[in-house]
Amino acid sequence: MDDETLLMTMLFDFFGDLLTEKQREYFDLYHNEDLSLSEIAGKAGISRQGVYDIITRAEKSLVELEDKTGIVKKWRETRVGLEKAEAIARELQHLSGSNVESASLAGELILTLETLKGG
């Protein structure tokens, strides 16, 4: 998946509910289901240009929402920070060696960070 598609998918995940029903449907078919504009147009009974216009407006709306809120940028930064913190906790756990209490605390921290990351 290229960077632009990944960004659009993330924006849709965060802000998709704010789009119109048609924008959500066509965006999802195009970006997530990988249907062509012609395939979507055929299913919807409208022109290829009509589908293109709806998807383009949806993408523009999603980008504007991100520009105003910065939510996806902040989420990405937080994710990077959590991954870095998890790597540090794993190193601390490794360095704890026979110190059971330190290793246990590092293990708890790792579990907490994994939970925060969603995995």
C-alpha atoms as a PDB file:
ATOM      1  CA  MET A   1       0.000   0.000   0.000  1.00  0.00           C
ATOM      2  CA  ASP A   2       1.471   3.344  -0.976  1.00  0.00           C
ATOM      3  CA  ASP A   3       1.763   6.250   1.463  1.00  0.00           C
ATOM      4  CA  GLU A   4      -1.132   8.214  -0.055  1.00  0.00           C
ATOM      5  CA  THR A   5      -3.513   5.252   0.126  1.00  0.00           C
ATOM      6  CA  LEU A   6      -2.428   4.505   3.693  1.00  0.00           C
ATOM      7  CA  LEU A   7      -3.020   8.130   4.690  1.00  0.00           C
ATOM      8  CA  MET A   8      -6.451   8.177   3.046  1.00  0.00           C
ATOM      9  CA  THR A   9      -7.399   4.931   4.777  1.00  0.00           C
ATOM     10  CA  MET A  10      -6.304   6.310   8.136  1.00  0.00           C
ATOM     11  CA  LEU A  11      -8.201   9.544   7.560  1.00  0.00           C
ATOM     12  CA  PHE A  12     -11.282   7.501   6.663  1.00  0.00           C
ATOM     13  CA  ASP A  13     -10.905   5.421   9.833  1.00  0.00           C
ATOM     14  CA  PHE A  14     -10.775   8.562  11.965  1.00  0.00           C
ATOM     15  CA  PHE A  15     -13.240  10.816  10.143  1.00  0.00           C
ATOM     16  CA  GLY A  16     -15.298   8.584   7.842  1.00  0.00           C
ATOM     17  CA  ASP A  17     -18.453   8.953   9.922  1.00  0.00           C
ATOM     18  CA  LEU A  18     -18.439  12.678   9.106  1.00  0.00           C
ATOM     19  CA  LEU A  19     -18.811  12.047   5.362  1.00  0.00           C
ATOM     20  CA  THR A  20     -22.119  11.665   3.582  1.00  0.00           C
ATOM     21  CA  GLU A  21     -23.418   8.130   3.080  1.00  0.00           C
ATOM     22  CA  LYS A  22     -22.513   8.152  -0.633  1.00  0.00           C
ATOM     23  CA  GLN A  23     -19.054   9.546   0.070  1.00  0.00           C
ATOM     24  CA  ARG A  24     -18.445   6.809   2.657  1.00  0.00           C
ATOM     25  CA  GLU A  25     -19.737   4.088   0.356  1.00  0.00           C
ATOM     26  CA  TYR A  26     -17.802   5.138  -2.753  1.00  0.00           C
ATOM     27  CA  PHE A  27     -14.649   5.940  -0.812  1.00  0.00           C
ATOM     28  CA  ASP A  28     -14.760   2.512   0.834  1.00  0.00           C
ATOM     29  CA  LEU A  29     -15.355   0.714  -2.460  1.00  0.00           C
ATOM     30  CA  TYR A  30     -12.521   2.600  -4.137  1.00  0.00           C
ATOM     31  CA  HIS A  31      -9.851   2.651  -1.426  1.00  0.00           C
ATOM     32  CA  ASN A  32     -10.664  -0.399   0.709  1.00  0.00           C
ATOM     33  CA  GLU A  33     -12.362  -2.782  -1.728  1.00  0.00           C
ATOM     34  CA  ASP A  34     -10.073  -1.708  -4.610  1.00  0.00           C
ATOM     35  CA  LEU A  35     -12.886  -1.282  -7.139  1.00  0.00           C
ATOM     36  CA  SER A  36     -12.249   0.928 -10.149  1.00  0.00           C
ATOM     37  CA  LEU A  37     -14.212   4.092 -10.798  1.00  0.00           C
ATOM     38  CA  SER A  38     -15.942   2.307 -13.689  1.00  0.00           C
ATOM     39  CA  GLU A  39     -16.935  -0.634 -11.503  1.00  0.00           C
ATOM     40  CA  ILE A  40     -18.375   1.668  -8.851  1.00  0.00           C
ATOM     41  CA  ALA A  41     -20.188   3.714 -11.496  1.00  0.00           C
ATOM     42  CA  GLY A  42     -21.701   0.550 -12.939  1.00  0.00           C
ATOM     43  CA  LYS A  43     -22.974  -0.570  -9.551  1.00  0.00           C
ATOM     44  CA  ALA A  44     -24.276   2.877  -8.637  1.00  0.00           C
ATOM     45  CA  GLY A  45     -25.831   3.648 -12.013  1.00  0.00           C
ATOM     46  CA  ILE A  46     -23.982   6.953 -12.384  1.00  0.00           C
ATOM     47  CA  SER A  47     -21.125   8.163 -14.553  1.00  0.00           C
ATOM     48  CA  ARG A  48     -17.489   7.440 -13.871  1.00  0.00           C
ATOM     49  CA  GLN A  49     -16.974  11.216 -13.554  1.00  0.00           C
ATOM     50  CA  GLY A  50     -19.745  11.375 -10.952  1.00  0.00           C
ATOM     51  CA  VAL A  51     -18.022   8.711  -8.865  1.00  0.00           C
ATOM     52  CA  TYR A  52     -14.685  10.483  -9.256  1.00  0.00           C
ATOM     53  CA  ASP A  53     -16.201  13.791  -8.104  1.00  0.00           C
ATOM     54  CA  ILE A  54     -17.781  12.208  -5.010  1.00  0.00           C
ATOM     55  CA  ILE A  55     -14.564  10.418  -4.015  1.00  0.00           C
ATOM     56  CA  THR A  56     -12.480  13.541  -4.634  1.00  0.00           C
ATOM     57  CA  ARG A  57     -14.816  15.643  -2.457  1.00  0.00           C
ATOM     58  CA  ALA A  58     -14.630  12.981   0.267  1.00  0.00           C
ATOM     59  CA  GLU A  59     -10.818  12.956   0.147  1.00  0.00           C
ATOM     60  CA  LYS A  60     -10.727  16.758   0.277  1.00  0.00           C
ATOM     61  CA  SER A  61     -13.056  16.768   3.295  1.00  0.00           C
ATOM     62  CA  LEU A  62     -10.928  14.191   5.104  1.00  0.00           C
ATOM     63  CA  VAL A  63      -7.719  16.139   4.461  1.00  0.00           C
ATOM     64  CA  GLU A  64      -9.357  19.384   5.634  1.00  0.00           C
ATOM     65  CA  LEU A  65     -10.523  17.702   8.845  1.00  0.00           C
ATOM     66  CA  GLU A  66      -7.010  16.439   9.517  1.00  0.00           C
ATOM     67  CA  ASP A  67      -5.525  19.862   8.732  1.00  0.00           C
ATOM     68  CA  LYS A  68      -7.866  21.440  11.284  1.00  0.00           C
ATOM     69  CA  THR A  69      -7.545  18.834  14.031  1.00  0.00           C
ATOM     70  CA  GLY A  70      -4.175  17.104  13.553  1.00  0.00           C
ATOM     71  CA  ILE A  71      -5.649  13.958  15.104  1.00  0.00           C
ATOM     72  CA  VAL A  72      -4.002  11.460  12.751  1.00  0.00           C
ATOM     73  CA  LYS A  73      -0.628  13.197  13.071  1.00  0.00           C
ATOM     74  CA  LYS A  74      -0.902  13.115  16.861  1.00  0.00           C
ATOM     75  CA  TRP A  75      -1.994   9.457  16.771  1.00  0.00           C
ATOM     76  CA  ARG A  76       1.041   8.562  14.654  1.00  0.00           C
ATOM     77  CA  GLU A  77       3.391  10.454  16.999  1.00  0.00           C
ATOM     78  CA  THR A  78       1.851   8.732  20.012  1.00  0.00           C
ATOM     79  CA  ARG A  79       2.211   5.344  18.337  1.00  0.00           C
ATOM     80  CA  VAL A  80       5.916   5.972  17.679  1.00  0.00           C
ATOM     81  CA  GLY A  81       6.383   7.059  21.299  1.00  0.00           C
ATOM     82  CA  LEU A  82       4.642   3.939  22.606  1.00  0.00           C
ATOM     83  CA  GLU A  83       6.800   1.701  20.418  1.00  0.00           C
ATOM     84  CA  LYS A  84       9.941   3.453  21.659  1.00  0.00           C
ATOM     85  CA  ALA A  85       8.809   3.139  25.287  1.00  0.00           C
ATOM     86  CA  GLU A  86       8.064  -0.560  24.743  1.00  0.00           C
ATOM     87  CA  ALA A  87      11.540  -1.132  23.306  1.00  0.00           C
ATOM     88  CA  ILE A  88      13.079   0.596  26.335  1.00  0.00           C
ATOM     89  CA  ALA A  89      10.938  -1.498  28.712  1.00  0.00           C
ATOM     90  CA  ARG A  90      12.030  -4.689  26.950  1.00  0.00           C
ATOM     91  CA  GLU A  91      15.666  -3.652  27.298  1.00  0.00           C
ATOM     92  CA  LEU A  92      15.117  -2.897  30.998  1.00  0.00           C
ATOM     93  CA  GLN A  93      13.510  -6.315  31.426  1.00  0.00           C
ATOM     94  CA  HIS A  94      16.504  -7.920  29.729  1.00  0.00           C
ATOM     95  CA  LEU A  95      18.975  -5.945  31.848  1.00  0.00           C
ATOM     96  CA  SER A  96      17.098  -6.805  35.068  1.00  0.00           C
ATOM     97  CA  GLY A  97      18.481 -10.308  34.871  1.00  0.00           C
ATOM     98  CA  SER A  98      18.006 -11.992  38.240  1.00  0.00           C
ATOM     99  CA  ASN A  99      16.306  -8.998  39.844  1.00  0.00           C
ATOM    100  CA  VAL A 100      12.814 -10.485  39.872  1.00  0.00           C
ATOM    101  CA  GLU A 101      11.082  -7.318  41.056  1.00  0.00           C
ATOM    102  CA  SER A 102      12.601  -5.141  38.328  1.00  0.00           C
ATOM    103  CA  ALA A 103      11.922  -7.749  35.646  1.00  0.00           C
ATOM    104  CA  SER A 104       8.325  -8.050  36.836  1.00  0.00           C
ATOM    105  CA  LEU A 105       7.785  -4.280  36.748  1.00  0.00           C
ATOM    106  CA  ALA A 106       9.288  -4.086  33.269  1.00  0.00           C
ATOM    107  CA  GLY A 107       6.981  -6.919  32.198  1.00  0.00           C
ATOM    108  CA  GLU A 108       3.950  -5.051  33.545  1.00  0.00           C
ATOM    109  CA  LEU A 109       5.061  -1.936  31.703  1.00  0.00           C
ATOM    110  CA  ILE A 110       5.412  -3.902  28.461  1.00  0.00           C
ATOM    111  CA  LEU A 111       1.891  -5.317  28.835  1.00  0.00           C
ATOM    112  CA  THR A 112       0.498  -1.845  29.541  1.00  0.00           C
ATOM    113  CA  LEU A 113       2.243  -0.385  26.485  1.00  0.00           C
ATOM    114  CA  GLU A 114       1.018  -3.239  24.275  1.00  0.00           C
ATOM    115  CA  THR A 115      -2.521  -2.602  25.498  1.00  0.00           C
ATOM    116  CA  LEU A 116      -2.210   1.107  24.733  1.00  0.00           C
ATOM    117  CA  LYS A 117      -0.910   0.297  21.251  1.00  0.00           C
ATOM    118  CA  GLY A 118      -3.881  -1.977  20.692  1.00  0.00           C
ATOM    119  CA  GLY A 119      -1.959  -5.153  20.258  1.00  0.00           C
END
